[in-house]
């Protein structure tokens, strides 16, 4: 499968999910990241991995006991 590494912001935009959902999955170790070679402050996620997780778990992906308000509108 072809890997496409994008920022969490870009993955959220393309998949029409909140960025915080992706960030929570990253912080829990569900989604792996790598350093952006152009900006060490920005982490990249594999778009195909994130897409698979959201296709498998739907709206439940990234939800947890942290009870945060949704960060962004669901497009």
PDB file of N, CA and C in Angstrom:
ATOM      1  N   UNK A   1       0.848  -1.186   0.000  1.00  0.00           N
ATOM      2  CA  UNK A   1       0.000   0.000   0.000  1.00  0.00           C
ATOM      3  C   UNK A   1       0.888   1.242   0.000  1.00  0.00           C
ATOM      4  N   UNK A   2       0.524   2.221  -0.770  1.00  0.00           N
ATOM      5  CA  UNK A   2       1.293   3.450  -0.886  1.00  0.00           C
ATOM      6  C   UNK A   2       1.120   4.303   0.373  1.00  0.00           C
ATOM      7  N   UNK A   3       2.225   4.718   0.969  1.00  0.00           N
ATOM      8  CA  UNK A   3       2.166   5.548   2.170  1.00  0.00           C
ATOM      9  C   UNK A   3       2.118   7.014   1.781  1.00  0.00           C
ATOM     10  N   UNK A   4       1.255   7.747   2.453  1.00  0.00           N
ATOM     11  CA  UNK A   4       1.190   9.189   2.260  1.00  0.00           C
ATOM     12  C   UNK A   4       1.195   9.818   3.644  1.00  0.00           C
ATOM     13  N   UNK A   5       2.271  10.499   3.975  1.00  0.00           N
ATOM     14  CA  UNK A   5       2.438  11.122   5.284  1.00  0.00           C
ATOM     15  C   UNK A   5       2.010  12.581   5.196  1.00  0.00           C
ATOM     16  N   UNK A   6       1.083  12.955   6.072  1.00  0.00           N
ATOM     17  CA  UNK A   6       0.545  14.320   6.087  1.00  0.00           C
ATOM     18  C   UNK A   6       0.472  14.794   7.541  1.00  0.00           C
ATOM     19  N   UNK A   7       0.272  16.089   7.722  1.00  0.00           N
ATOM     20  CA  UNK A   7       0.093  16.608   9.076  1.00  0.00           C
ATOM     21  C   UNK A   7      -1.251  16.123   9.628  1.00  0.00           C
ATOM     22  N   UNK A   8      -1.388  16.163  10.954  1.00  0.00           N
ATOM     23  CA  UNK A   8      -2.663  15.781  11.570  1.00  0.00           C
ATOM     24  C   UNK A   8      -3.777  16.696  11.076  1.00  0.00           C
ATOM     25  N   UNK A   9      -3.455  17.966  10.899  1.00  0.00           N
ATOM     26  CA  UNK A   9      -4.436  18.939  10.398  1.00  0.00           C
ATOM     27  C   UNK A   9      -4.924  18.536   9.009  1.00  0.00           C
ATOM     28  N   UNK A  10      -4.005  18.162   8.132  1.00  0.00           N
ATOM     29  CA  UNK A  10      -4.375  17.770   6.776  1.00  0.00           C
ATOM     30  C   UNK A  10      -5.164  16.466   6.777  1.00  0.00           C
ATOM     31  N   UNK A  11      -4.763  15.506   7.603  1.00  0.00           N
ATOM     32  CA  UNK A  11      -5.506  14.244   7.698  1.00  0.00           C
ATOM     33  C   UNK A  11      -6.932  14.507   8.167  1.00  0.00           C
ATOM     34  N   UNK A  12      -7.088  15.371   9.163  1.00  0.00           N
ATOM     35  CA  UNK A  12      -8.423  15.710   9.676  1.00  0.00           C
ATOM     36  C   UNK A  12      -9.268  16.355   8.579  1.00  0.00           C
ATOM     37  N   UNK A  13      -8.675  17.253   7.830  1.00  0.00           N
ATOM     38  CA  UNK A  13      -9.412  17.927   6.754  1.00  0.00           C
ATOM     39  C   UNK A  13      -9.863  16.934   5.692  1.00  0.00           C
ATOM     40  N   UNK A  14      -8.955  16.082   5.264  1.00  0.00           N
ATOM     41  CA  UNK A  14      -9.285  15.121   4.195  1.00  0.00           C
ATOM     42  C   UNK A  14     -10.317  14.093   4.628  1.00  0.00           C
ATOM     43  N   UNK A  15     -10.240  13.676   5.896  1.00  0.00           N
ATOM     44  CA  UNK A  15     -11.148  12.636   6.377  1.00  0.00           C
ATOM     45  C   UNK A  15     -12.404  13.201   7.034  1.00  0.00           C
ATOM     46  N   UNK A  16     -12.452  14.532   7.132  1.00  0.00           N
ATOM     47  CA  UNK A  16     -13.610  15.218   7.705  1.00  0.00           C
ATOM     48  C   UNK A  16     -13.891  14.768   9.141  1.00  0.00           C
ATOM     49  N   UNK A  17     -12.827  14.779   9.932  1.00  0.00           N
ATOM     50  CA  UNK A  17     -12.930  14.483  11.367  1.00  0.00           C
ATOM     51  C   UNK A  17     -12.213  15.595  12.125  1.00  0.00           C
ATOM     52  N   UNK A  18     -12.448  15.665  13.415  1.00  0.00           N
ATOM     53  CA  UNK A  18     -11.770  16.667  14.225  1.00  0.00           C
ATOM     54  C   UNK A  18     -10.296  16.333  14.416  1.00  0.00           C
ATOM     55  N   UNK A  19      -9.451  17.349  14.390  1.00  0.00           N
ATOM     56  CA  UNK A  19      -8.013  17.153  14.583  1.00  0.00           C
ATOM     57  C   UNK A  19      -7.731  16.555  15.949  1.00  0.00           C
ATOM     58  N   UNK A  20      -8.506  16.950  16.970  1.00  0.00           N
ATOM     59  CA  UNK A  20      -8.274  16.412  18.310  1.00  0.00           C
ATOM     60  C   UNK A  20      -8.512  14.910  18.380  1.00  0.00           C
ATOM     61  N   UNK A  21      -9.419  14.392  17.568  1.00  0.00           N
ATOM     62  CA  UNK A  21      -9.628  12.937  17.547  1.00  0.00           C
ATOM     63  C   UNK A  21      -8.347  12.236  17.104  1.00  0.00           C
ATOM     64  N   UNK A  22      -7.726  12.763  16.065  1.00  0.00           N
ATOM     65  CA  UNK A  22      -6.477  12.170  15.580  1.00  0.00           C
ATOM     66  C   UNK A  22      -5.391  12.344  16.629  1.00  0.00           C
ATOM     67  N   UNK A  23      -5.304  13.513  17.220  1.00  0.00           N
ATOM     68  CA  UNK A  23      -4.295  13.778  18.246  1.00  0.00           C
ATOM     69  C   UNK A  23      -4.439  12.829  19.433  1.00  0.00           C
ATOM     70  N   UNK A  24      -5.669  12.560  19.851  1.00  0.00           N
ATOM     71  CA  UNK A  24      -5.885  11.616  20.966  1.00  0.00           C
ATOM     72  C   UNK A  24      -5.394  10.221  20.613  1.00  0.00           C
ATOM     73  N   UNK A  25      -5.655   9.787  19.374  1.00  0.00           N
ATOM     74  CA  UNK A  25      -5.191   8.465  18.952  1.00  0.00           C
ATOM     75  C   UNK A  25      -3.664   8.407  18.902  1.00  0.00           C
ATOM     76  N   UNK A  26      -3.040   9.493  18.508  1.00  0.00           N
ATOM     77  CA  UNK A  26      -1.578   9.565  18.497  1.00  0.00           C
ATOM     78  C   UNK A  26      -1.051   9.474  19.929  1.00  0.00           C
ATOM     79  N   UNK A  27      -1.636  10.251  20.831  1.00  0.00           N
ATOM     80  CA  UNK A  27      -1.141  10.273  22.212  1.00  0.00           C
ATOM     81  C   UNK A  27      -1.343   8.928  22.901  1.00  0.00           C
ATOM     82  N   UNK A  28      -2.330   8.158  22.480  1.00  0.00           N
ATOM     83  CA  UNK A  28      -2.566   6.820  23.049  1.00  0.00           C
ATOM     84  C   UNK A  28      -1.725   5.747  22.370  1.00  0.00           C
ATOM     85  N   UNK A  29      -0.985   6.115  21.334  1.00  0.00           N
ATOM     86  CA  UNK A  29      -0.129   5.161  20.642  1.00  0.00           C
ATOM     87  C   UNK A  29      -0.847   4.313  19.616  1.00  0.00           C
ATOM     88  N   UNK A  30      -2.091   4.672  19.269  1.00  0.00           N
ATOM     89  CA  UNK A  30      -2.855   3.926  18.278  1.00  0.00           C
ATOM     90  C   UNK A  30      -2.357   4.257  16.876  1.00  0.00           C
ATOM     91  N   UNK A  31      -2.004   5.510  16.673  1.00  0.00           N
ATOM     92  CA  UNK A  31      -1.492   5.970  15.383  1.00  0.00           C
ATOM     93  C   UNK A  31      -0.042   6.400  15.573  1.00  0.00           C
ATOM     94  N   UNK A  32       0.809   5.923  14.694  1.00  0.00           N
ATOM     95  CA  UNK A  32       2.222   6.293  14.766  1.00  0.00           C
ATOM     96  C   UNK A  32       2.473   7.591  14.005  1.00  0.00           C
ATOM     97  N   UNK A  33       3.498   8.290  14.422  1.00  0.00           N
ATOM     98  CA  UNK A  33       3.887   9.523  13.744  1.00  0.00           C
ATOM     99  C   UNK A  33       5.355   9.449  13.363  1.00  0.00           C
ATOM    100  N   UNK A  34       5.745  10.361  12.499  1.00  0.00           N
ATOM    101  CA  UNK A  34       7.169  10.542  12.215  1.00  0.00           C
ATOM    102  C   UNK A  34       7.427  12.029  12.105  1.00  0.00           C
ATOM    103  N   UNK A  35       8.677  12.381  12.259  1.00  0.00           N
ATOM    104  CA  UNK A  35       9.070  13.790  12.208  1.00  0.00           C
ATOM    105  C   UNK A  35       8.969  14.323  10.788  1.00  0.00           C
ATOM    106  N   UNK A  36       8.484  15.538  10.679  1.00  0.00           N
ATOM    107  CA  UNK A  36       8.428  16.219   9.392  1.00  0.00           C
ATOM    108  C   UNK A  36       9.844  16.693   9.065  1.00  0.00           C
ATOM    109  N   UNK A  37      10.422  16.259   7.952  1.00  0.00           N
ATOM    110  CA  UNK A  37      11.790  16.670   7.628  1.00  0.00           C
ATOM    111  C   UNK A  37      11.912  18.166   7.342  1.00  0.00           C
ATOM    112  N   UNK A  38      10.806  18.832   7.073  1.00  0.00           N
ATOM    113  CA  UNK A  38      10.830  20.263   6.789  1.00  0.00           C
ATOM    114  C   UNK A  38      10.610  21.122   8.027  1.00  0.00           C
ATOM    115  N   UNK A  39      10.037  20.531   9.094  1.00  0.00           N
ATOM    116  CA  UNK A  39       9.741  21.281  10.316  1.00  0.00           C
ATOM    117  C   UNK A  39       9.658  20.301  11.480  1.00  0.00           C
ATOM    118  N   UNK A  40      10.685  20.244  12.297  1.00  0.00           N
ATOM    119  CA  UNK A  40      10.764  19.277  13.391  1.00  0.00           C
ATOM    120  C   UNK A  40       9.671  19.466  14.436  1.00  0.00           C
ATOM    121  N   UNK A  41       9.005  20.615  14.437  1.00  0.00           N
ATOM    122  CA  UNK A  41       7.931  20.857  15.401  1.00  0.00           C
ATOM    123  C   UNK A  41       6.635  20.170  15.005  1.00  0.00           C
ATOM    124  N   UNK A  42       6.545  19.731  13.749  1.00  0.00           N
ATOM    125  CA  UNK A  42       5.313  19.151  13.219  1.00  0.00           C
ATOM    126  C   UNK A  42       5.493  17.651  13.038  1.00  0.00           C
ATOM    127  N   UNK A  43       4.537  16.884  13.548  1.00  0.00           N
ATOM    128  CA  UNK A  43       4.550  15.433  13.378  1.00  0.00           C
ATOM    129  C   UNK A  43       3.640  15.056  12.208  1.00  0.00           C
ATOM    130  N   UNK A  44       4.017  14.022  11.483  1.00  0.00           N
ATOM    131  CA  UNK A  44       3.233  13.537  10.356  1.00  0.00           C
ATOM    132  C   UNK A  44       2.591  12.200  10.703  1.00  0.00           C
ATOM    133  N   UNK A  45       1.408  11.953  10.128  1.00  0.00           N
ATOM    134  CA  UNK A  45       0.717  10.676  10.298  1.00  0.00           C
ATOM    135  C   UNK A  45       0.523  10.052   8.927  1.00  0.00           C
ATOM    136  N   UNK A  46       0.438   8.730   8.907  1.00  0.00           N
ATOM    137  CA  UNK A  46       0.203   8.012   7.663  1.00  0.00           C
ATOM    138  C   UNK A  46      -1.294   8.094   7.367  1.00  0.00           C
ATOM    139  N   UNK A  47      -1.654   8.783   6.296  1.00  0.00           N
ATOM    140  CA  UNK A  47      -3.056   9.002   5.967  1.00  0.00           C
ATOM    141  C   UNK A  47      -3.810   7.690   5.795  1.00  0.00           C
ATOM    142  N   UNK A  48      -3.187   6.687   5.203  1.00  0.00           N
ATOM    143  CA  UNK A  48      -3.860   5.400   5.009  1.00  0.00           C
ATOM    144  C   UNK A  48      -4.155   4.716   6.339  1.00  0.00           C
ATOM    145  N   UNK A  49      -3.236   4.813   7.300  1.00  0.00           N
ATOM    146  CA  UNK A  49      -3.451   4.230   8.623  1.00  0.00           C
ATOM    147  C   UNK A  49      -4.626   4.921   9.322  1.00  0.00           C
ATOM    148  N   UNK A  50      -4.640   6.245   9.279  1.00  0.00           N
ATOM    149  CA  UNK A  50      -5.712   7.008   9.923  1.00  0.00           C
ATOM    150  C   UNK A  50      -7.050   6.702   9.244  1.00  0.00           C
ATOM    151  N   UNK A  51      -7.059   6.659   7.921  1.00  0.00           N
ATOM    152  CA  UNK A  51      -8.284   6.357   7.172  1.00  0.00           C
ATOM    153  C   UNK A  51      -8.823   4.983   7.573  1.00  0.00           C
ATOM    154  N   UNK A  52      -7.956   3.995   7.664  1.00  0.00           N
ATOM    155  CA  UNK A  52      -8.375   2.641   8.036  1.00  0.00           C
ATOM    156  C   UNK A  52      -9.004   2.622   9.429  1.00  0.00           C
ATOM    157  N   UNK A  53      -8.410   3.319  10.360  1.00  0.00           N
ATOM    158  CA  UNK A  53      -8.947   3.359  11.728  1.00  0.00           C
ATOM    159  C   UNK A  53     -10.335   3.978  11.733  1.00  0.00           C
ATOM    160  N   UNK A  54     -10.514   5.090  11.035  1.00  0.00           N
ATOM    161  CA  UNK A  54     -11.826   5.736  11.027  1.00  0.00           C
ATOM    162  C   UNK A  54     -12.852   4.950  10.226  1.00  0.00           C
ATOM    163  N   UNK A  55     -12.424   4.220   9.195  1.00  0.00           N
ATOM    164  CA  UNK A  55     -13.357   3.358   8.462  1.00  0.00           C
ATOM    165  C   UNK A  55     -13.784   2.179   9.327  1.00  0.00           C
ATOM    166  N   UNK A  56     -12.862   1.664  10.132  1.00  0.00           N
ATOM    167  CA  UNK A  56     -13.164   0.519  10.985  1.00  0.00           C
ATOM    168  C   UNK A  56     -14.024   0.903  12.180  1.00  0.00           C
ATOM    169  N   UNK A  57     -13.667   1.991  12.846  1.00  0.00           N
ATOM    170  CA  UNK A  57     -14.325   2.357  14.095  1.00  0.00           C
ATOM    171  C   UNK A  57     -15.294   3.525  13.964  1.00  0.00           C
ATOM    172  N   UNK A  58     -15.339   4.156  12.809  1.00  0.00           N
ATOM    173  CA  UNK A  58     -16.275   5.251  12.583  1.00  0.00           C
ATOM    174  C   UNK A  58     -16.104   6.377  13.576  1.00  0.00           C
ATOM    175  N   UNK A  59     -17.216   6.944  14.000  1.00  0.00           N
ATOM    176  CA  UNK A  59     -17.210   8.080  14.907  1.00  0.00           C
ATOM    177  C   UNK A  59     -16.691   7.772  16.289  1.00  0.00           C
ATOM    178  N   UNK A  60     -16.560   6.494  16.634  1.00  0.00           N
ATOM    179  CA  UNK A  60     -16.059   6.123  17.954  1.00  0.00           C
ATOM    180  C   UNK A  60     -14.541   6.236  18.047  1.00  0.00           C
ATOM    181  N   UNK A  61     -13.855   6.275  16.921  1.00  0.00           N
ATOM    182  CA  UNK A  61     -12.396   6.392  16.933  1.00  0.00           C
ATOM    183  C   UNK A  61     -11.996   7.718  17.552  1.00  0.00           C
ATOM    184  N   UNK A  62     -11.089   7.654  18.496  1.00  0.00           N
ATOM    185  CA  UNK A  62     -10.594   8.871  19.117  1.00  0.00           C
ATOM    186  C   UNK A  62     -11.407   9.339  20.298  1.00  0.00           C
ATOM    187  N   UNK A  63     -12.603   8.773  20.478  1.00  0.00           N
ATOM    188  CA  UNK A  63     -13.397   9.148  21.644  1.00  0.00           C
ATOM    189  C   UNK A  63     -12.865   8.413  22.853  1.00  0.00           C
ATOM    190  N   UNK A  64     -12.841   9.088  23.961  1.00  0.00           N
ATOM    191  CA  UNK A  64     -12.328   8.454  25.162  1.00  0.00           C
ATOM    192  C   UNK A  64     -12.956   9.032  26.393  1.00  0.00           C
ATOM    193  N   UNK A  65     -12.380   8.716  27.526  1.00  0.00           N
ATOM    194  CA  UNK A  65     -12.909   9.155  28.807  1.00  0.00           C
ATOM    195  C   UNK A  65     -12.499  10.565  29.152  1.00  0.00           C
ATOM    196  N   UNK A  66     -11.785  11.225  28.224  1.00  0.00           N
ATOM    197  CA  UNK A  66     -11.337  12.586  28.513  1.00  0.00           C
ATOM    198  C   UNK A  66     -12.480  13.587  28.425  1.00  0.00           C
ATOM    199  N   UNK A  67     -13.582  13.208  27.797  1.00  0.00           N
ATOM    200  CA  UNK A  67     -14.813  13.986  27.800  1.00  0.00           C
ATOM    201  C   UNK A  67     -14.623  15.415  27.307  1.00  0.00           C
ATOM    202  N   UNK A  68     -13.720  15.595  26.358  1.00  0.00           N
ATOM    203  CA  UNK A  68     -13.491  16.918  25.783  1.00  0.00           C
ATOM    204  C   UNK A  68     -14.637  17.271  24.853  1.00  0.00           C
ATOM    205  N   UNK A  69     -14.913  18.547  24.725  1.00  0.00           N
ATOM    206  CA  UNK A  69     -15.860  19.001  23.719  1.00  0.00           C
ATOM    207  C   UNK A  69     -15.249  18.768  22.360  1.00  0.00           C
ATOM    208  N   UNK A  70     -16.078  18.570  21.348  1.00  0.00           N
ATOM    209  CA  UNK A  70     -15.545  18.407  20.006  1.00  0.00           C
ATOM    210  C   UNK A  70     -14.779  19.668  19.630  1.00  0.00           C
ATOM    211  N   UNK A  71     -13.633  19.479  19.061  1.00  0.00           N
ATOM    212  CA  UNK A  71     -12.737  20.578  18.754  1.00  0.00           C
ATOM    213  C   UNK A  71     -13.106  21.327  17.495  1.00  0.00           C
ATOM    214  N   UNK A  72     -13.646  20.637  16.530  1.00  0.00           N
ATOM    215  CA  UNK A  72     -13.941  21.267  15.246  1.00  0.00           C
ATOM    216  C   UNK A  72     -15.275  20.750  14.776  1.00  0.00           C
ATOM    217  N   UNK A  73     -15.895  21.502  13.895  1.00  0.00           N
ATOM    218  CA  UNK A  73     -17.156  21.046  13.361  1.00  0.00           C
ATOM    219  C   UNK A  73     -16.936  19.814  12.510  1.00  0.00           C
ATOM    220  N   UNK A  74     -17.899  18.920  12.519  1.00  0.00           N
ATOM    221  CA  UNK A  74     -17.846  17.736  11.676  1.00  0.00           C
ATOM    222  C   UNK A  74     -18.353  18.148  10.309  1.00  0.00           C
ATOM    223  N   UNK A  75     -17.461  18.225   9.358  1.00  0.00           N
ATOM    224  CA  UNK A  75     -17.784  18.746   8.026  1.00  0.00           C
ATOM    225  C   UNK A  75     -18.786  17.891   7.338  1.00  0.00           C
TER     226      UNK A  75
END
